[in-house]
Amino acid sequence: MTDSSPASDGRQRASLDTSVAHTARIWNYWLGGKDNYPADQEVGDQIRAFLPNIVTSARADRAFLTRAVRHLVAEAGIRQFLDIGTGLPSAGNTHEVAQAIAPECRIVYVDNDPLVLVHAHALLTSSPPGVTDYIEADARDTDAILRAAARTLDFSRPIAIMLLGVLNFIGDSDEAHSLVNTLIGAVPSGSYLAIAHPTKEINPEESEEAVRFWNENAKPPITLRSAEELTRFFDRLELLEPGVVSCTRWRPDPQDVGTTPDVYQYGAVGRKP
């Protein structure tokens, strides 16, 4: 995997601060990973005290990624992915799911956490004929992301944009919509957008308390949104069935139908006409 990150062009890379809990490492802790620190574990445990099913929700989000990517490759014919806010690598990364079906898939990952960067270069690797690349950038810096991604992805062909657990860190809805519209505007017809986002509609009182604690003790701050608010991100797209739903309800595997609970995370996929 080549280094096409802004940092490789001379910009100063953010330092790793392990004294403050960070979303990528908290998520890694909930998923049973080892790439986290005491501050992350402490906040993760406190959030789980507010939301006992948060680990189930984290795993459901990961399973949504698998099913969405599988659909996009096997049924929609997508061979290119721009995965923004990838988080720490774990089992079932986007390129692993995609290339298991179509080895020629090309995937560009984007994140701005220095620990993610270290692990991405070591683990987010691809075997020919596919390609993976990693960009170090903030999700808000769409121009830089698109410029760097064009080194690996062909923007004249359909691309799936993955925004899983990203928009919740952009509290200003106008800014979030602008980000999505810029990305969608850069890809051709037949491209897709996948979003996963925590909601305030499942156990709302507990969710609001958990968010308050998170925003006081971890970074970056988080915002919850409703299904109606999330649906607006797909205004320019054809929203695939079943729409914006709990991640567990988005095209579940046959053995999971009717057996999995609603979780704090919504998921949806849309197609650009």
C-alpha atoms as a PDB file:
ATOM      1  CA  MET A   1       0.000   0.000   0.000  1.00  0.00           C
ATOM      2  CA  THR A   2       1.409   3.355  -0.985  1.00  0.00           C
ATOM      3  CA  ASP A   3       1.385   6.382   1.283  1.00  0.00           C
ATOM      4  CA  SER A   4      -0.684   9.041  -0.449  1.00  0.00           C
ATOM      5  CA  SER A   5      -1.621  10.825   2.766  1.00  0.00           C
ATOM      6  CA  PRO A   6      -1.341  14.588   3.193  1.00  0.00           C
ATOM      7  CA  ALA A   7       1.230  13.901   5.900  1.00  0.00           C
ATOM      8  CA  SER A   8       3.530  12.316   3.333  1.00  0.00           C
ATOM      9  CA  ASP A   9       3.427  15.606   1.433  1.00  0.00           C
ATOM     10  CA  GLY A  10       5.056  17.451   4.308  1.00  0.00           C
ATOM     11  CA  ARG A  11       2.162  18.319   6.587  1.00  0.00           C
ATOM     12  CA  GLN A  12       2.709  17.692  10.280  1.00  0.00           C
ATOM     13  CA  ARG A  13       1.005  14.543  11.533  1.00  0.00           C
ATOM     14  CA  ALA A  14      -1.067  14.777  14.716  1.00  0.00           C
ATOM     15  CA  SER A  15       0.593  13.308  17.793  1.00  0.00           C
ATOM     16  CA  LEU A  16      -0.844  10.311  19.589  1.00  0.00           C
ATOM     17  CA  ASP A  17      -2.466  11.300  22.896  1.00  0.00           C
ATOM     18  CA  THR A  18      -3.300   8.183  24.910  1.00  0.00           C
ATOM     19  CA  SER A  19      -4.473  10.136  27.959  1.00  0.00           C
ATOM     20  CA  VAL A  20      -7.753  11.160  26.295  1.00  0.00           C
ATOM     21  CA  ALA A  21     -10.209   8.542  25.095  1.00  0.00           C
ATOM     22  CA  HIS A  22     -10.697   8.464  21.329  1.00  0.00           C
ATOM     23  CA  THR A  23     -13.548   7.011  19.315  1.00  0.00           C
ATOM     24  CA  ALA A  24     -11.455   4.655  17.149  1.00  0.00           C
ATOM     25  CA  ARG A  25      -9.839   3.078  20.191  1.00  0.00           C
ATOM     26  CA  ILE A  26     -13.079   2.898  22.220  1.00  0.00           C
ATOM     27  CA  TRP A  27     -14.722   1.161  19.270  1.00  0.00           C
ATOM     28  CA  ASN A  28     -11.746  -1.206  19.098  1.00  0.00           C
ATOM     29  CA  TYR A  29     -12.192  -1.975  22.804  1.00  0.00           C
ATOM     30  CA  TRP A  30     -15.891  -2.767  22.374  1.00  0.00           C
ATOM     31  CA  LEU A  31     -15.064  -5.085  19.484  1.00  0.00           C
ATOM     32  CA  GLY A  32     -12.600  -7.000  21.649  1.00  0.00           C
ATOM     33  CA  GLY A  33      -9.445  -5.544  20.110  1.00  0.00           C
ATOM     34  CA  LYS A  34      -6.146  -4.787  21.830  1.00  0.00           C
ATOM     35  CA  ASP A  35      -5.322  -1.429  20.267  1.00  0.00           C
ATOM     36  CA  ASN A  36      -6.672   0.744  23.069  1.00  0.00           C
ATOM     37  CA  TYR A  37      -5.515   2.344  26.303  1.00  0.00           C
ATOM     38  CA  PRO A  38      -6.807   2.711  29.881  1.00  0.00           C
ATOM     39  CA  ALA A  39      -8.520   6.023  29.064  1.00  0.00           C
ATOM     40  CA  ASP A  40     -10.386   4.360  26.208  1.00  0.00           C
ATOM     41  CA  GLN A  41     -11.353   1.370  28.350  1.00  0.00           C
ATOM     42  CA  GLU A  42     -12.601   3.582  31.180  1.00  0.00           C
ATOM     43  CA  VAL A  43     -14.864   5.643  28.930  1.00  0.00           C
ATOM     44  CA  GLY A  44     -15.959   2.520  27.064  1.00  0.00           C
ATOM     45  CA  ASP A  45     -17.010   0.882  30.324  1.00  0.00           C
ATOM     46  CA  GLN A  46     -18.858   4.004  31.453  1.00  0.00           C
ATOM     47  CA  ILE A  47     -20.756   4.223  28.169  1.00  0.00           C
ATOM     48  CA  ARG A  48     -21.653   0.547  28.484  1.00  0.00           C
ATOM     49  CA  ALA A  49     -23.068   1.294  31.945  1.00  0.00           C
ATOM     50  CA  PHE A  50     -25.455   3.793  30.297  1.00  0.00           C
ATOM     51  CA  LEU A  51     -26.102   1.614  27.256  1.00  0.00           C
ATOM     52  CA  PRO A  52     -25.700  -2.076  28.153  1.00  0.00           C
ATOM     53  CA  ASN A  53     -26.197  -3.142  24.532  1.00  0.00           C
ATOM     54  CA  ILE A  54     -23.511  -0.857  23.104  1.00  0.00           C
ATOM     55  CA  VAL A  55     -21.163  -3.776  22.395  1.00  0.00           C
ATOM     56  CA  THR A  56     -23.979  -5.520  20.534  1.00  0.00           C
ATOM     57  CA  SER A  57     -24.512  -2.275  18.627  1.00  0.00           C
ATOM     58  CA  ALA A  58     -20.820  -2.025  17.721  1.00  0.00           C
ATOM     59  CA  ARG A  59     -20.817  -5.570  16.419  1.00  0.00           C
ATOM     60  CA  ALA A  60     -24.047  -4.964  14.515  1.00  0.00           C
ATOM     61  CA  ASP A  61     -22.425  -1.963  12.855  1.00  0.00           C
ATOM     62  CA  ARG A  62     -19.534  -4.164  11.755  1.00  0.00           C
ATOM     63  CA  ALA A  63     -21.931  -6.781  10.422  1.00  0.00           C
ATOM     64  CA  PHE A  64     -23.771  -4.032   8.501  1.00  0.00           C
ATOM     65  CA  LEU A  65     -20.485  -3.102   6.815  1.00  0.00           C
ATOM     66  CA  THR A  66     -20.026  -6.721   5.744  1.00  0.00           C
ATOM     67  CA  ARG A  67     -23.533  -7.059   4.312  1.00  0.00           C
ATOM     68  CA  ALA A  68     -23.452  -3.661   2.602  1.00  0.00           C
ATOM     69  CA  VAL A  69     -20.082  -4.293   0.951  1.00  0.00           C
ATOM     70  CA  ARG A  70     -21.143  -7.789  -0.041  1.00  0.00           C
ATOM     71  CA  HIS A  71     -24.272  -6.381  -1.693  1.00  0.00           C
ATOM     72  CA  LEU A  72     -22.366  -3.611  -3.437  1.00  0.00           C
ATOM     73  CA  VAL A  73     -19.797  -5.979  -4.923  1.00  0.00           C
ATOM     74  CA  ALA A  74     -21.830  -9.110  -5.620  1.00  0.00           C
ATOM     75  CA  GLU A  75     -25.134  -7.529  -6.686  1.00  0.00           C
ATOM     76  CA  ALA A  76     -24.402  -3.928  -7.684  1.00  0.00           C
ATOM     77  CA  GLY A  77     -21.101  -4.675  -9.420  1.00  0.00           C
ATOM     78  CA  ILE A  78     -19.090  -2.042  -7.519  1.00  0.00           C
ATOM     79  CA  ARG A  79     -15.313  -2.455  -7.683  1.00  0.00           C
ATOM     80  CA  GLN A  80     -14.160   0.790  -6.028  1.00  0.00           C
ATOM     81  CA  PHE A  81     -14.631   1.997  -2.449  1.00  0.00           C
ATOM     82  CA  LEU A  82     -13.826   5.234  -0.646  1.00  0.00           C
ATOM     83  CA  ASP A  83     -14.068   4.330   3.046  1.00  0.00           C
ATOM     84  CA  ILE A  84     -13.927   7.515   5.151  1.00  0.00           C
ATOM     85  CA  GLY A  85     -13.427   7.124   8.891  1.00  0.00           C
ATOM     86  CA  THR A  86     -12.256   3.554   8.658  1.00  0.00           C
ATOM     87  CA  GLY A  87     -11.180   3.244  12.308  1.00  0.00           C
ATOM     88  CA  LEU A  88      -8.727   0.674  13.579  1.00  0.00           C
ATOM     89  CA  PRO A  89      -8.391  -2.422  11.393  1.00  0.00           C
ATOM     90  CA  SER A  90     -10.157  -5.547  12.606  1.00  0.00           C
ATOM     91  CA  ALA A  91     -11.634  -8.670  11.054  1.00  0.00           C
ATOM     92  CA  GLY A  92     -13.809  -8.036   8.021  1.00  0.00           C
ATOM     93  CA  ASN A  93     -12.372  -4.762   6.756  1.00  0.00           C
ATOM     94  CA  THR A  94     -13.922  -3.323   3.611  1.00  0.00           C
ATOM     95  CA  HIS A  95     -11.173  -4.565   1.306  1.00  0.00           C
ATOM     96  CA  GLU A  96     -11.264  -8.056   2.801  1.00  0.00           C
ATOM     97  CA  VAL A  97     -15.001  -8.401   2.213  1.00  0.00           C
ATOM     98  CA  ALA A  98     -14.852  -6.843  -1.255  1.00  0.00           C
ATOM     99  CA  GLN A  99     -11.787  -8.661  -2.535  1.00  0.00           C
ATOM    100  CA  ALA A 100     -13.019 -12.017  -1.268  1.00  0.00           C
ATOM    101  CA  ILE A 101     -15.761 -11.648  -3.895  1.00  0.00           C
ATOM    102  CA  ALA A 102     -13.898  -9.679  -6.575  1.00  0.00           C
ATOM    103  CA  PRO A 103     -10.106  -9.633  -6.038  1.00  0.00           C
ATOM    104  CA  GLU A 104      -9.683  -6.689  -8.407  1.00  0.00           C
ATOM    105  CA  CYS A 105     -11.513  -4.271  -6.073  1.00  0.00           C
ATOM    106  CA  ARG A 106      -9.727  -1.031  -5.230  1.00  0.00           C
ATOM    107  CA  ILE A 107     -10.212   0.506  -1.794  1.00  0.00           C
ATOM    108  CA  VAL A 108      -9.047   3.828  -0.359  1.00  0.00           C
ATOM    109  CA  TYR A 109      -9.276   4.263   3.408  1.00  0.00           C
ATOM    110  CA  VAL A 110      -9.395   7.661   5.117  1.00  0.00           C
ATOM    111  CA  ASP A 111      -8.884   8.508   8.797  1.00  0.00           C
ATOM    112  CA  ASN A 112      -7.120  11.132  10.886  1.00  0.00           C
ATOM    113  CA  ASP A 113      -6.126   9.172  13.998  1.00  0.00           C
ATOM    114  CA  PRO A 114      -2.341   8.545  14.192  1.00  0.00           C
ATOM    115  CA  LEU A 115      -2.795   5.108  15.764  1.00  0.00           C
ATOM    116  CA  VAL A 116      -5.114   4.147  12.921  1.00  0.00           C
ATOM    117  CA  LEU A 117      -2.440   5.337  10.476  1.00  0.00           C
ATOM    118  CA  VAL A 118       0.209   3.058  11.976  1.00  0.00           C
ATOM    119  CA  HIS A 119      -2.030   0.007  11.871  1.00  0.00           C
ATOM    120  CA  ALA A 120      -3.438   0.845   8.445  1.00  0.00           C
ATOM    121  CA  HIS A 121      -0.027   0.727   6.811  1.00  0.00           C
ATOM    122  CA  ALA A 122       0.677  -2.601   8.484  1.00  0.00           C
ATOM    123  CA  LEU A 123      -2.667  -4.349   8.052  1.00  0.00           C
ATOM    124  CA  LEU A 124      -4.789  -2.744   5.354  1.00  0.00           C
ATOM    125  CA  THR A 125      -2.835  -4.385   2.561  1.00  0.00           C
ATOM    126  CA  SER A 126      -4.003  -5.944  -0.642  1.00  0.00           C
ATOM    127  CA  SER A 127      -2.902  -8.756  -2.917  1.00  0.00           C
ATOM    128  CA  PRO A 128      -2.870  -8.278  -6.684  1.00  0.00           C
ATOM    129  CA  PRO A 129      -4.931  -7.606  -8.710  1.00  0.00           C
ATOM    130  CA  GLY A 130      -6.664  -5.426  -6.105  1.00  0.00           C
ATOM    131  CA  VAL A 131      -5.294  -2.259  -4.518  1.00  0.00           C
ATOM    132  CA  THR A 132      -5.668  -0.607  -1.122  1.00  0.00           C
ATOM    133  CA  ASP A 133      -4.442   2.822  -0.122  1.00  0.00           C
ATOM    134  CA  TYR A 134      -4.653   5.008   2.976  1.00  0.00           C
ATOM    135  CA  ILE A 135      -5.163   8.769   3.231  1.00  0.00           C
ATOM    136  CA  GLU A 136      -4.560  10.633   6.466  1.00  0.00           C
ATOM    137  CA  ALA A 137      -7.147  13.406   6.453  1.00  0.00           C
ATOM    138  CA  ASP A 138     -10.111  14.804   8.326  1.00  0.00           C
ATOM    139  CA  ALA A 139     -13.474  13.837   6.847  1.00  0.00           C
ATOM    140  CA  ARG A 140     -14.288  17.551   6.490  1.00  0.00           C
ATOM    141  CA  ASP A 141     -11.363  18.077   4.110  1.00  0.00           C
ATOM    142  CA  THR A 142     -13.213  16.641   1.143  1.00  0.00           C
ATOM    143  CA  ASP A 143     -11.100  18.411  -1.470  1.00  0.00           C
ATOM    144  CA  ALA A 144      -7.889  16.848  -0.139  1.00  0.00           C
ATOM    145  CA  ILE A 145      -9.566  13.452   0.153  1.00  0.00           C
ATOM    146  CA  LEU A 146     -10.855  13.515  -3.406  1.00  0.00           C
ATOM    147  CA  ARG A 147      -7.507  14.666  -4.820  1.00  0.00           C
ATOM    148  CA  ALA A 148      -5.594  11.929  -3.024  1.00  0.00           C
ATOM    149  CA  ALA A 149      -8.191   9.234  -3.733  1.00  0.00           C
ATOM    150  CA  ALA A 150      -7.954   9.974  -7.464  1.00  0.00           C
ATOM    151  CA  ARG A 151      -4.465   8.475  -7.405  1.00  0.00           C
ATOM    152  CA  THR A 152      -6.016   5.077  -6.769  1.00  0.00           C
ATOM    153  CA  LEU A 153      -9.672   5.303  -7.822  1.00  0.00           C
ATOM    154  CA  ASP A 154     -11.073   6.043 -11.286  1.00  0.00           C
ATOM    155  CA  PHE A 155     -13.692   8.748 -10.773  1.00  0.00           C
ATOM    156  CA  SER A 156     -15.164   8.116 -14.198  1.00  0.00           C
ATOM    157  CA  ARG A 157     -16.452   4.758 -12.923  1.00  0.00           C
ATOM    158  CA  PRO A 158     -18.877   4.064 -10.045  1.00  0.00           C
ATOM    159  CA  ILE A 159     -17.514   4.311  -6.501  1.00  0.00           C
ATOM    160  CA  ALA A 160     -19.103   3.328  -3.201  1.00  0.00           C
ATOM    161  CA  ILE A 161     -18.607   5.992  -0.530  1.00  0.00           C
ATOM    162  CA  MET A 162     -18.638   4.515   2.975  1.00  0.00           C
ATOM    163  CA  LEU A 163     -19.435   6.902   5.845  1.00  0.00           C
ATOM    164  CA  LEU A 164     -19.841   4.501   8.734  1.00  0.00           C
ATOM    165  CA  GLY A 165     -19.772   6.213  12.124  1.00  0.00           C
ATOM    166  CA  VAL A 166     -18.453   9.485  10.679  1.00  0.00           C
ATOM    167  CA  LEU A 167     -21.264  12.000  10.274  1.00  0.00           C
ATOM    168  CA  ASN A 168     -22.100  11.714  13.980  1.00  0.00           C
ATOM    169  CA  PHE A 169     -18.860  13.602  14.663  1.00  0.00           C
ATOM    170  CA  ILE A 170     -20.028  16.542  12.566  1.00  0.00           C
ATOM    171  CA  GLY A 171     -22.550  18.282  14.776  1.00  0.00           C
ATOM    172  CA  ASP A 172     -23.523  21.009  12.334  1.00  0.00           C
ATOM    173  CA  SER A 173     -26.073  19.420   9.989  1.00  0.00           C
ATOM    174  CA  ASP A 174     -25.464  21.974   7.235  1.00  0.00           C
ATOM    175  CA  GLU A 175     -21.776  21.112   7.285  1.00  0.00           C
ATOM    176  CA  ALA A 176     -22.557  17.387   7.280  1.00  0.00           C
ATOM    177  CA  HIS A 177     -24.900  17.763   4.295  1.00  0.00           C
ATOM    178  CA  SER A 178     -22.324  19.861   2.462  1.00  0.00           C
ATOM    179  CA  LEU A 179     -19.710  17.139   3.009  1.00  0.00           C
ATOM    180  CA  VAL A 180     -22.025  14.423   1.675  1.00  0.00           C
ATOM    181  CA  ASN A 181     -23.115  16.528  -1.298  1.00  0.00           C
ATOM    182  CA  THR A 182     -19.505  17.279  -2.253  1.00  0.00           C
ATOM    183  CA  LEU A 183     -18.595  13.592  -2.186  1.00  0.00           C
ATOM    184  CA  ILE A 184     -21.706  12.544  -4.101  1.00  0.00           C
ATOM    185  CA  GLY A 185     -21.097  15.298  -6.632  1.00  0.00           C
ATOM    186  CA  ALA A 186     -17.626  13.938  -7.331  1.00  0.00           C
ATOM    187  CA  VAL A 187     -18.705  10.413  -8.312  1.00  0.00           C
ATOM    188  CA  PRO A 188     -20.618   9.321 -11.429  1.00  0.00           C
ATOM    189  CA  SER A 189     -24.060   7.834 -11.879  1.00  0.00           C
ATOM    190  CA  GLY A 190     -24.251   4.287 -10.529  1.00  0.00           C
ATOM    191  CA  SER A 191     -22.182   5.147  -7.462  1.00  0.00           C
ATOM    192  CA  TYR A 192     -23.416   4.401  -3.945  1.00  0.00           C
ATOM    193  CA  LEU A 193     -23.424   5.941  -0.484  1.00  0.00           C
ATOM    194  CA  ALA A 194     -23.513   3.863   2.706  1.00  0.00           C
ATOM    195  CA  ILE A 195     -24.089   5.545   6.072  1.00  0.00           C
ATOM    196  CA  ALA A 196     -24.100   4.161   9.604  1.00  0.00           C
ATOM    197  CA  HIS A 197     -24.975   6.614  12.361  1.00  0.00           C
ATOM    198  CA  PRO A 198     -25.958   6.403  16.052  1.00  0.00           C
ATOM    199  CA  THR A 199     -29.538   7.328  16.780  1.00  0.00           C
ATOM    200  CA  LYS A 200     -31.445   9.010  19.570  1.00  0.00           C
ATOM    201  CA  GLU A 201     -34.554   6.974  18.829  1.00  0.00           C
ATOM    202  CA  ILE A 202     -33.571   3.794  20.678  1.00  0.00           C
ATOM    203  CA  ASN A 203     -33.708   4.265  24.470  1.00  0.00           C
ATOM    204  CA  PRO A 204     -33.554   8.067  24.056  1.00  0.00           C
ATOM    205  CA  GLU A 205     -32.982   9.035  27.697  1.00  0.00           C
ATOM    206  CA  GLU A 206     -30.101   6.586  28.159  1.00  0.00           C
ATOM    207  CA  SER A 207     -28.663   7.597  24.783  1.00  0.00           C
ATOM    208  CA  GLU A 208     -28.689  11.287  25.623  1.00  0.00           C
ATOM    209  CA  GLU A 209     -26.986  10.613  28.973  1.00  0.00           C
ATOM    210  CA  ALA A 210     -24.345   8.483  27.276  1.00  0.00           C
ATOM    211  CA  VAL A 211     -23.675  11.227  24.722  1.00  0.00           C
ATOM    212  CA  ARG A 212     -23.343  13.813  27.485  1.00  0.00           C
ATOM    213  CA  PHE A 213     -20.767  11.639  29.244  1.00  0.00           C
ATOM    214  CA  TRP A 214     -18.932  10.941  25.982  1.00  0.00           C
ATOM    215  CA  ASN A 215     -18.675  14.598  25.054  1.00  0.00           C
ATOM    216  CA  GLU A 216     -17.256  15.425  28.486  1.00  0.00           C
ATOM    217  CA  ASN A 217     -14.684  12.620  28.510  1.00  0.00           C
ATOM    218  CA  ALA A 218     -13.786  11.581  24.962  1.00  0.00           C
ATOM    219  CA  LYS A 219     -13.087  13.066  21.568  1.00  0.00           C
ATOM    220  CA  PRO A 220     -14.300  13.999  19.075  1.00  0.00           C
ATOM    221  CA  PRO A 221     -17.740  15.059  20.372  1.00  0.00           C
ATOM    222  CA  ILE A 222     -20.708  13.087  19.068  1.00  0.00           C
ATOM    223  CA  THR A 223     -24.181  13.992  17.779  1.00  0.00           C
ATOM    224  CA  LEU A 224     -27.184  11.663  17.555  1.00  0.00           C
ATOM    225  CA  ARG A 225     -29.683  11.889  14.693  1.00  0.00           C
ATOM    226  CA  SER A 226     -33.122  10.499  13.913  1.00  0.00           C
ATOM    227  CA  ALA A 227     -34.099   8.306  10.972  1.00  0.00           C
ATOM    228  CA  GLU A 228     -35.810  11.311   9.392  1.00  0.00           C
ATOM    229  CA  GLU A 229     -32.661  13.406   9.694  1.00  0.00           C
ATOM    230  CA  LEU A 230     -30.530  10.637   8.223  1.00  0.00           C
ATOM    231  CA  THR A 231     -32.916  10.098   5.331  1.00  0.00           C
ATOM    232  CA  ARG A 232     -32.201  13.665   4.193  1.00  0.00           C
ATOM    233  CA  PHE A 233     -28.614  12.687   3.405  1.00  0.00           C
ATOM    234  CA  PHE A 234     -30.055  10.527   0.612  1.00  0.00           C
ATOM    235  CA  ASP A 235     -32.219  13.256  -0.953  1.00  0.00           C
ATOM    236  CA  ARG A 236     -30.202  13.122  -4.184  1.00  0.00           C
ATOM    237  CA  LEU A 237     -30.074   9.334  -4.225  1.00  0.00           C
ATOM    238  CA  GLU A 238     -32.295   6.297  -4.671  1.00  0.00           C
ATOM    239  CA  LEU A 239     -32.554   4.912  -1.145  1.00  0.00           C
ATOM    240  CA  LEU A 240     -32.352   1.137  -1.226  1.00  0.00           C
ATOM    241  CA  GLU A 241     -34.853  -0.969   0.671  1.00  0.00           C
ATOM    242  CA  PRO A 242     -35.462  -1.178   3.591  1.00  0.00           C
ATOM    243  CA  GLY A 243     -34.386   2.470   3.949  1.00  0.00           C
ATOM    244  CA  VAL A 244     -32.899   3.909   7.151  1.00  0.00           C
ATOM    245  CA  VAL A 245     -33.242   1.206   9.787  1.00  0.00           C
ATOM    246  CA  SER A 246     -31.426  -0.313  12.721  1.00  0.00           C
ATOM    247  CA  CYS A 247     -28.225  -1.875  11.374  1.00  0.00           C
ATOM    248  CA  THR A 248     -29.568  -5.277  12.343  1.00  0.00           C
ATOM    249  CA  ARG A 249     -32.613  -4.754  10.087  1.00  0.00           C
ATOM    250  CA  TRP A 250     -30.699  -3.838   6.920  1.00  0.00           C
ATOM    251  CA  ARG A 251     -30.919  -6.946   4.734  1.00  0.00           C
ATOM    252  CA  PRO A 252     -30.019  -9.392   7.507  1.00  0.00           C
ATOM    253  CA  ASP A 253     -28.637 -12.816   6.726  1.00  0.00           C
ATOM    254  CA  PRO A 254     -31.404 -15.448   6.596  1.00  0.00           C
ATOM    255  CA  GLN A 255     -30.376 -17.037   9.889  1.00  0.00           C
ATOM    256  CA  ASP A 256     -30.655 -13.648  11.638  1.00  0.00           C
ATOM    257  CA  VAL A 257     -34.131 -12.674  10.451  1.00  0.00           C
ATOM    258  CA  GLY A 258     -36.355 -12.070  13.457  1.00  0.00           C
ATOM    259  CA  THR A 259     -33.648 -12.942  15.974  1.00  0.00           C
ATOM    260  CA  THR A 260     -31.654  -9.741  16.370  1.00  0.00           C
ATOM    261  CA  PRO A 261     -32.728  -6.702  18.419  1.00  0.00           C
ATOM    262  CA  ASP A 262     -32.772  -3.087  17.298  1.00  0.00           C
ATOM    263  CA  VAL A 263     -29.486  -1.376  18.142  1.00  0.00           C
ATOM    264  CA  TYR A 264     -28.385   2.230  18.687  1.00  0.00           C
ATOM    265  CA  GLN A 265     -26.932   2.408  15.186  1.00  0.00           C
ATOM    266  CA  TYR A 266     -28.926   3.081  12.000  1.00  0.00           C
ATOM    267  CA  GLY A 267     -27.715   2.004   8.583  1.00  0.00           C
ATOM    268  CA  ALA A 268     -28.721   2.799   4.999  1.00  0.00           C
ATOM    269  CA  VAL A 269     -27.449   2.584   1.421  1.00  0.00           C
ATOM    270  CA  GLY A 270     -28.399   4.740  -1.559  1.00  0.00           C
ATOM    271  CA  ARG A 271     -27.589   4.788  -5.278  1.00  0.00           C
ATOM    272  CA  LYS A 272     -26.789   7.851  -7.378  1.00  0.00           C
ATOM    273  CA  PRO A 273     -29.123   7.865 -10.402  1.00  0.00           C
END
